[in-house]
Amino acid sequence: EHPTQALLDALTIRRRVGHIEGLRIAICGDIANSRVARSNIHLLGTLGAELRLVCPATLLPAAVDQMGVSVFTDLETGIKDADIVMMLRLQTERMAGTETPSQREYFNFFGLDKAKLERSAPNALIMHPGPMNRGVEIDSATADDVEKSLIRMQVEMGVAARMACLEALALGLDSTS
């Protein structure tokens, strides 16, 4: 898992939207190999978000039916009316022996661009934990959209969230302090 990424993602959403409960969040991409996806499923689900996983069937994790999420194998259907569209990196280094599409084919079916983003909610926001493969999971114009993209804010919140965790560990704080 990747708990500090989930913490900073939740902080980013709270700072921009004001709440997490009731949001429709689509986590899209290489779910099977993503520590970020697992941590966000736990935290964002606990905080009351409706979670959708969107990816090719070959990139679904084992026991997905026990995760309390909706599953979609079509990007446009999966992000329909989503408030947050979180893209994940294709982790090709962990895909040995699995059948996966070429990067071009992957982008055509599962990559996010402005035209596909129009299926989501009118004020939908975009997230990506990085590192980002531009032109594979997201195109540059969409990733850099100053109105919709929270990617830079995620980087900023990452510093704060991780510093807070390190300080809590260094000071020996526990959850009751």
C-alpha atoms as a PDB file:
ATOM      1  CA  GLU A   1       0.000   0.000   0.000  1.00  0.00           C
ATOM      2  CA  HIS A   2       0.942   3.680  -0.190  1.00  0.00           C
ATOM      3  CA  PRO A   3      -0.727   5.398   2.786  1.00  0.00           C
ATOM      4  CA  THR A   4       0.942   8.803   2.503  1.00  0.00           C
ATOM      5  CA  GLN A   5      -0.240   9.116  -1.105  1.00  0.00           C
ATOM      6  CA  ALA A   6      -3.821   8.403  -0.014  1.00  0.00           C
ATOM      7  CA  LEU A   7      -3.488  10.981   2.789  1.00  0.00           C
ATOM      8  CA  LEU A   8      -2.234  13.662   0.426  1.00  0.00           C
ATOM      9  CA  ASP A   9      -4.893  12.795  -2.152  1.00  0.00           C
ATOM     10  CA  ALA A  10      -7.614  13.130   0.485  1.00  0.00           C
ATOM     11  CA  LEU A  11      -6.097  16.404   1.684  1.00  0.00           C
ATOM     12  CA  THR A  12      -5.956  17.708  -1.895  1.00  0.00           C
ATOM     13  CA  ILE A  13      -9.621  16.860  -2.491  1.00  0.00           C
ATOM     14  CA  ARG A  14     -10.695  18.408   0.841  1.00  0.00           C
ATOM     15  CA  ARG A  15      -8.745  21.593   0.120  1.00  0.00           C
ATOM     16  CA  ARG A  16     -10.232  21.994  -3.373  1.00  0.00           C
ATOM     17  CA  VAL A  17     -13.761  20.575  -2.996  1.00  0.00           C
ATOM     18  CA  GLY A  18     -14.341  20.945   0.740  1.00  0.00           C
ATOM     19  CA  HIS A  19     -15.542  17.382   1.370  1.00  0.00           C
ATOM     20  CA  ILE A  20     -15.071  13.780   0.253  1.00  0.00           C
ATOM     21  CA  GLU A  21     -18.312  12.172   1.402  1.00  0.00           C
ATOM     22  CA  GLY A  22     -20.699  11.663  -1.499  1.00  0.00           C
ATOM     23  CA  LEU A  23     -18.160  12.338  -4.246  1.00  0.00           C
ATOM     24  CA  ARG A  24     -18.002   9.962  -7.210  1.00  0.00           C
ATOM     25  CA  ILE A  25     -14.330   9.127  -7.684  1.00  0.00           C
ATOM     26  CA  ALA A  26     -13.118   7.071 -10.644  1.00  0.00           C
ATOM     27  CA  ILE A  27      -9.690   5.481 -10.171  1.00  0.00           C
ATOM     28  CA  CYS A  28      -8.491   4.591 -13.664  1.00  0.00           C
ATOM     29  CA  GLY A  29      -5.581   2.586 -14.989  1.00  0.00           C
ATOM     30  CA  ASP A  30      -3.317  -0.146 -13.706  1.00  0.00           C
ATOM     31  CA  ILE A  31      -5.297  -1.031 -10.582  1.00  0.00           C
ATOM     32  CA  ALA A  32      -3.763  -4.491 -10.154  1.00  0.00           C
ATOM     33  CA  ASN A  33      -0.218  -3.176  -9.738  1.00  0.00           C
ATOM     34  CA  SER A  34      -1.012   0.070  -7.940  1.00  0.00           C
ATOM     35  CA  ARG A  35      -0.271   0.573  -4.265  1.00  0.00           C
ATOM     36  CA  VAL A  36      -1.862   4.035  -4.649  1.00  0.00           C
ATOM     37  CA  ALA A  37      -5.161   2.518  -5.786  1.00  0.00           C
ATOM     38  CA  ARG A  38      -5.340   0.159  -2.811  1.00  0.00           C
ATOM     39  CA  SER A  39      -4.649   2.913  -0.289  1.00  0.00           C
ATOM     40  CA  ASN A  40      -7.124   5.302  -1.906  1.00  0.00           C
ATOM     41  CA  ILE A  41      -9.802   2.603  -1.999  1.00  0.00           C
ATOM     42  CA  HIS A  42      -9.383   2.148   1.766  1.00  0.00           C
ATOM     43  CA  LEU A  43      -9.206   5.812   2.739  1.00  0.00           C
ATOM     44  CA  LEU A  44     -11.591   7.475   0.285  1.00  0.00           C
ATOM     45  CA  GLY A  45     -14.146   4.705   0.767  1.00  0.00           C
ATOM     46  CA  THR A  46     -13.914   5.114   4.549  1.00  0.00           C
ATOM     47  CA  LEU A  47     -14.482   8.847   4.111  1.00  0.00           C
ATOM     48  CA  GLY A  48     -17.709   8.193   2.193  1.00  0.00           C
ATOM     49  CA  ALA A  49     -16.781   8.487  -1.478  1.00  0.00           C
ATOM     50  CA  GLU A  50     -18.458   6.319  -4.123  1.00  0.00           C
ATOM     51  CA  LEU A  51     -15.523   4.556  -5.764  1.00  0.00           C
ATOM     52  CA  ARG A  52     -15.258   3.241  -9.307  1.00  0.00           C
ATOM     53  CA  LEU A  53     -12.362   1.270 -10.709  1.00  0.00           C
ATOM     54  CA  VAL A  54     -11.828   1.671 -14.441  1.00  0.00           C
ATOM     55  CA  CYS A  55      -9.341  -0.502 -16.321  1.00  0.00           C
ATOM     56  CA  PRO A  56      -8.923  -3.404 -18.718  1.00  0.00           C
ATOM     57  CA  ALA A  57     -10.090  -6.678 -17.154  1.00  0.00           C
ATOM     58  CA  THR A  58      -6.462  -7.892 -17.180  1.00  0.00           C
ATOM     59  CA  LEU A  59      -5.502  -5.047 -14.812  1.00  0.00           C
ATOM     60  CA  LEU A  60      -8.120  -5.701 -12.123  1.00  0.00           C
ATOM     61  CA  PRO A  61      -6.799  -6.844  -8.741  1.00  0.00           C
ATOM     62  CA  ALA A  62      -7.673 -10.177  -7.193  1.00  0.00           C
ATOM     63  CA  ALA A  63     -10.695 -10.084  -4.853  1.00  0.00           C
ATOM     64  CA  VAL A  64     -11.977  -6.845  -6.396  1.00  0.00           C
ATOM     65  CA  ASP A  65     -15.506  -8.006  -5.553  1.00  0.00           C
ATOM     66  CA  GLN A  66     -14.647  -7.600  -1.838  1.00  0.00           C
ATOM     67  CA  MET A  67     -13.424  -3.994  -2.136  1.00  0.00           C
ATOM     68  CA  GLY A  68     -16.781  -2.201  -2.088  1.00  0.00           C
ATOM     69  CA  VAL A  69     -16.251  -0.563  -5.468  1.00  0.00           C
ATOM     70  CA  SER A  70     -17.959  -0.539  -8.849  1.00  0.00           C
ATOM     71  CA  VAL A  71     -15.898  -1.946 -11.715  1.00  0.00           C
ATOM     72  CA  PHE A  72     -15.872  -0.701 -15.299  1.00  0.00           C
ATOM     73  CA  THR A  73     -13.859  -1.921 -18.266  1.00  0.00           C
ATOM     74  CA  ASP A  74     -14.844   1.049 -20.438  1.00  0.00           C
ATOM     75  CA  LEU A  75     -13.341   4.442 -19.568  1.00  0.00           C
ATOM     76  CA  GLU A  76     -16.149   6.633 -20.845  1.00  0.00           C
ATOM     77  CA  THR A  77     -18.789   4.618 -18.959  1.00  0.00           C
ATOM     78  CA  GLY A  78     -16.665   4.454 -15.807  1.00  0.00           C
ATOM     79  CA  ILE A  79     -16.033   8.194 -15.599  1.00  0.00           C
ATOM     80  CA  LYS A  80     -19.602   9.183 -16.505  1.00  0.00           C
ATOM     81  CA  ASP A  81     -20.687  11.847 -13.999  1.00  0.00           C
ATOM     82  CA  ALA A  82     -17.542  11.332 -11.875  1.00  0.00           C
ATOM     83  CA  ASP A  83     -16.511  14.285  -9.714  1.00  0.00           C
ATOM     84  CA  ILE A  84     -12.864  13.211  -9.558  1.00  0.00           C
ATOM     85  CA  VAL A  85     -11.010  11.256 -12.253  1.00  0.00           C
ATOM     86  CA  MET A  86      -7.793   9.825 -10.834  1.00  0.00           C
ATOM     87  CA  MET A  87      -5.461   8.407 -13.456  1.00  0.00           C
ATOM     88  CA  LEU A  88      -2.772   5.856 -12.617  1.00  0.00           C
ATOM     89  CA  ARG A  89       0.483   4.998 -14.349  1.00  0.00           C
ATOM     90  CA  LEU A  90       0.763   1.825 -16.398  1.00  0.00           C
ATOM     91  CA  GLN A  91       3.393  -0.107 -14.431  1.00  0.00           C
ATOM     92  CA  THR A  92       4.876  -2.095 -17.296  1.00  0.00           C
ATOM     93  CA  GLU A  93       7.786  -3.214 -15.093  1.00  0.00           C
ATOM     94  CA  ARG A  94       5.306  -5.294 -13.042  1.00  0.00           C
ATOM     95  CA  MET A  95       3.395  -6.765 -15.972  1.00  0.00           C
ATOM     96  CA  ALA A  96       5.698  -9.561 -17.053  1.00  0.00           C
ATOM     97  CA  GLY A  97       3.625 -12.469 -18.321  1.00  0.00           C
ATOM     98  CA  THR A  98       0.349 -10.546 -18.565  1.00  0.00           C
ATOM     99  CA  GLU A  99      -1.455  -9.620 -21.723  1.00  0.00           C
ATOM    100  CA  THR A 100      -1.574  -5.846 -22.058  1.00  0.00           C
ATOM    101  CA  PRO A 101      -2.279  -3.559 -24.996  1.00  0.00           C
ATOM    102  CA  SER A 102       0.375  -1.423 -26.674  1.00  0.00           C
ATOM    103  CA  GLN A 103       0.743   2.066 -25.236  1.00  0.00           C
ATOM    104  CA  ARG A 104      -1.007   3.574 -28.262  1.00  0.00           C
ATOM    105  CA  GLU A 105      -3.897   1.112 -27.988  1.00  0.00           C
ATOM    106  CA  TYR A 106      -4.071   1.678 -24.234  1.00  0.00           C
ATOM    107  CA  PHE A 107      -4.373   5.449 -24.713  1.00  0.00           C
ATOM    108  CA  ASN A 108      -7.120   5.014 -27.306  1.00  0.00           C
ATOM    109  CA  PHE A 109      -9.238   2.959 -24.903  1.00  0.00           C
ATOM    110  CA  PHE A 110      -8.152   4.080 -21.416  1.00  0.00           C
ATOM    111  CA  GLY A 111      -6.172   7.303 -21.796  1.00  0.00           C
ATOM    112  CA  LEU A 112      -7.764  10.538 -20.646  1.00  0.00           C
ATOM    113  CA  ASP A 113      -8.136  13.506 -22.955  1.00  0.00           C
ATOM    114  CA  LYS A 114     -10.510  16.470 -23.026  1.00  0.00           C
ATOM    115  CA  ALA A 115     -13.071  14.704 -25.231  1.00  0.00           C
ATOM    116  CA  LYS A 116     -13.326  11.713 -22.871  1.00  0.00           C
ATOM    117  CA  LEU A 117     -13.328  13.963 -19.809  1.00  0.00           C
ATOM    118  CA  GLU A 118     -16.556  15.548 -21.079  1.00  0.00           C
ATOM    119  CA  ARG A 119     -18.347  12.350 -19.955  1.00  0.00           C
ATOM    120  CA  SER A 120     -17.561  13.156 -16.334  1.00  0.00           C
ATOM    121  CA  ALA A 121     -19.368  15.704 -14.150  1.00  0.00           C
ATOM    122  CA  PRO A 122     -19.266  19.297 -15.469  1.00  0.00           C
ATOM    123  CA  ASN A 123     -16.870  20.429 -12.726  1.00  0.00           C
ATOM    124  CA  ALA A 124     -14.834  17.207 -12.620  1.00  0.00           C
ATOM    125  CA  LEU A 125     -11.262  17.427 -11.395  1.00  0.00           C
ATOM    126  CA  ILE A 126      -8.278  15.381 -12.531  1.00  0.00           C
ATOM    127  CA  MET A 127      -5.688  13.730 -10.318  1.00  0.00           C
ATOM    128  CA  HIS A 128      -2.568  11.656 -10.959  1.00  0.00           C
ATOM    129  CA  PRO A 129      -0.094  10.467  -8.309  1.00  0.00           C
ATOM    130  CA  GLY A 130       2.864  10.446 -10.705  1.00  0.00           C
ATOM    131  CA  PRO A 131       5.105   9.663 -12.269  1.00  0.00           C
ATOM    132  CA  MET A 132       3.016  10.435 -15.319  1.00  0.00           C
ATOM    133  CA  ASN A 133       3.361   8.880 -18.769  1.00  0.00           C
ATOM    134  CA  ARG A 134       2.034  11.646 -20.980  1.00  0.00           C
ATOM    135  CA  GLY A 135       0.266  10.290 -24.020  1.00  0.00           C
ATOM    136  CA  VAL A 136      -0.250   6.896 -22.368  1.00  0.00           C
ATOM    137  CA  GLU A 137      -2.645   7.386 -19.443  1.00  0.00           C
ATOM    138  CA  ILE A 138      -3.298  11.110 -19.949  1.00  0.00           C
ATOM    139  CA  ASP A 139      -2.538  13.682 -22.607  1.00  0.00           C
ATOM    140  CA  SER A 140      -0.532  16.810 -21.764  1.00  0.00           C
ATOM    141  CA  ALA A 141      -3.331  19.311 -22.410  1.00  0.00           C
ATOM    142  CA  THR A 142      -5.574  17.526 -19.907  1.00  0.00           C
ATOM    143  CA  ALA A 143      -2.853  17.018 -17.299  1.00  0.00           C
ATOM    144  CA  ASP A 144      -1.864  20.686 -17.478  1.00  0.00           C
ATOM    145  CA  ASP A 145      -5.401  22.159 -17.501  1.00  0.00           C
ATOM    146  CA  VAL A 146      -5.216  24.835 -14.791  1.00  0.00           C
ATOM    147  CA  GLU A 147      -8.982  24.756 -14.218  1.00  0.00           C
ATOM    148  CA  LYS A 148      -9.404  20.980 -13.813  1.00  0.00           C
ATOM    149  CA  SER A 149      -6.059  19.439 -12.917  1.00  0.00           C
ATOM    150  CA  LEU A 150      -5.112  18.976  -9.250  1.00  0.00           C
ATOM    151  CA  ILE A 151      -1.804  17.313 -10.093  1.00  0.00           C
ATOM    152  CA  ARG A 152       0.432  20.216  -9.001  1.00  0.00           C
ATOM    153  CA  MET A 153      -1.606  20.628  -5.833  1.00  0.00           C
ATOM    154  CA  GLN A 154      -1.082  16.918  -5.106  1.00  0.00           C
ATOM    155  CA  VAL A 155       2.678  17.465  -5.281  1.00  0.00           C
ATOM    156  CA  GLU A 156       2.429  20.400  -2.870  1.00  0.00           C
ATOM    157  CA  MET A 157       0.179  18.497  -0.459  1.00  0.00           C
ATOM    158  CA  GLY A 158       2.597  15.560  -0.646  1.00  0.00           C
ATOM    159  CA  VAL A 159       5.317  17.562   1.036  1.00  0.00           C
ATOM    160  CA  ALA A 160       2.998  18.702   3.851  1.00  0.00           C
ATOM    161  CA  ALA A 161       1.401  15.289   4.433  1.00  0.00           C
ATOM    162  CA  ARG A 162       4.696  13.435   4.486  1.00  0.00           C
ATOM    163  CA  MET A 163       6.330  16.030   6.768  1.00  0.00           C
ATOM    164  CA  ALA A 164       3.412  15.641   9.200  1.00  0.00           C
ATOM    165  CA  CYS A 165       3.775  11.846   9.184  1.00  0.00           C
ATOM    166  CA  LEU A 166       7.535  12.055   9.746  1.00  0.00           C
ATOM    167  CA  GLU A 167       7.072  14.539  12.589  1.00  0.00           C
ATOM    168  CA  ALA A 168       4.470  12.295  14.239  1.00  0.00           C
ATOM    169  CA  LEU A 169       6.873   9.344  14.002  1.00  0.00           C
ATOM    170  CA  ALA A 170       9.851  11.358  15.241  1.00  0.00           C
ATOM    171  CA  LEU A 171       7.893  12.659  18.238  1.00  0.00           C
ATOM    172  CA  GLY A 172       6.407   9.251  18.999  1.00  0.00           C
ATOM    173  CA  LEU A 173       2.857  10.498  18.596  1.00  0.00           C
ATOM    174  CA  ASP A 174       0.077   7.954  18.391  1.00  0.00           C
ATOM    175  CA  SER A 175      -3.517   8.271  17.226  1.00  0.00           C
ATOM    176  CA  THR A 176      -4.700   9.242  20.743  1.00  0.00           C
ATOM    177  CA  SER A 177      -2.344  12.253  21.065  1.00  0.00           C
END
